[in-house]
Amino acid sequence: MGSCLSPEGRNGGSSSSPPASPASGARRRRRSLRRQMSGLPEEQLHRIPGRMFLNGASSAASLFSRQGKKGINQDAMIVWENFGCRSDTVFCGVFDGHGPNGHMVAKKVRDILPLKLRARWEVNIGDDECKENNLSKSMDSEETSSVCLNEEFRASIGFKDLIKRSEIIATLRDPFLKAFRKVDKELRLHPDIDCFYSGTTAVTLVKQGQDLVIGNVGDSRAVLGTRDQNNTLVAVQLTVDLKPNLPREAERIRRCRGRVFALRDEPEVARLWLPNANSPGLAMARAFGDFCLKDFGLISVPEISYRRITEKDEFIVLATDGVWDVLSNKEVVDIVAMASTRSSAARYVVESAGRAWRLRYPTSRVDDCAVVCLFLNIDSSDSVSTAKAIVGGSPDGIGVLSDEQEPPQPTY
């Protein structure tokens, strides 16, 4: 599905057909690999080289998750380097489950979404015969609420380059839309995971060369650490927290007869409710699963954004709301910058979030946290000390955390 016939296929594969080109051979190998991987059992999937889903690090990324005080850890995360068999491509994602089976939904989406995206990605980008058709697709599909260039990049390029980049985005957008739709359909039909009252967020990205595409549902978040005109490290939020009280989300929900209101004891948290029952009270407007609400305004369509990475961009942090509920974007960026090594960066963020929970909400249960830090300049050393002088850290004062050590502390 979605693949294009090669000239050999259209000619019926007769002996008079010209020999297959190296490119067509590579496409066949990719399709064969896709078919093999789509049916991989879980234990084999977890052994794929370059695919990380547990606490750890590589030269390009750091990831860390910790269970909170609310029960089983419902957060999941993944970094998949050499994504799509391309050395310049990486997939990253964090997933925040909720509901009785949220932990299972988050892990299932972590496992199958990259496979679906990889298959769609290779069809759209890997097959030369398909490119022209894919580029001609409209950017105005009702399936997605937003496909946008970052404003700084939009202002810095000419009109012709803007049109070219818009065509690239059109090509990259389609795999995200189809993969997210396919995953939600599979969850609905899953025989072993009841997703009626359970679901998950997903903030995901694919970085290919200098092109960055982000697909987001829910209220997990992606934040960029980059340099401004004064060479100061600043935080740029790359995604929108898709809450039910956002005007465009609330309008869709009400149009579908869903209700949006906050409880008296937490007036700052808007929630999505069924038309005739005060349940389930979901604190987001988009999610995988949660099929009790899918007829009442909840959708799993990702908001998709694009950014062209520049030399000023240093790293991206993906994290679940257990981090963002207690730390600001700037605090998280500063914590990553103060880490003595890239491999400890994600853990520093999680440890700092845990400390902030205890200080700010001493009577509340700490939420689960999952963090992925993707470093954009992997040719440099494992140190991020270049940022410390500007954010106020000491180049020599921070070591790798032991279980007893506390992470560097931002000013709350």
Foldseek 3Di string as FASTA:
>chain_A
DLADDDPCVVVVVDPPDDDDDPLVVVLVVLVVVLVVLQPDDPVVLCPPPQKDKAQWDDLFKGKYWDAWQPDDQLKTWMKHACQLVNNQKIKIKIKGKDDPQSSVQNVLCVRQLSSQLSVLLCSLPSDPVNPVVQLPDDPPDPLADAEEEDPVVVVPDDPVVVSVVSSVSSSNVVSQQVSLVVSLVCQVVPPPGQQQQMWMWMWMWMGGNQKIKIWTFAAWWKWWFFADPVRATDIDTPDDHAFCPPVVQVVQLVVLQWDWADDPVCRPQIFIHHNPDRDDGHGGQETRGNNNCPSRRYYPRTHMYMYGHDPRIWKMKTKGVLQVVQDPRGQLSLLLLQAQFNNQSNVLSVLQSVVRCCVPPVPDIRHIMIMMMGTDCSVDDRGSPVNCVNSPHDNPPHDRDDPPDGGDYDDD
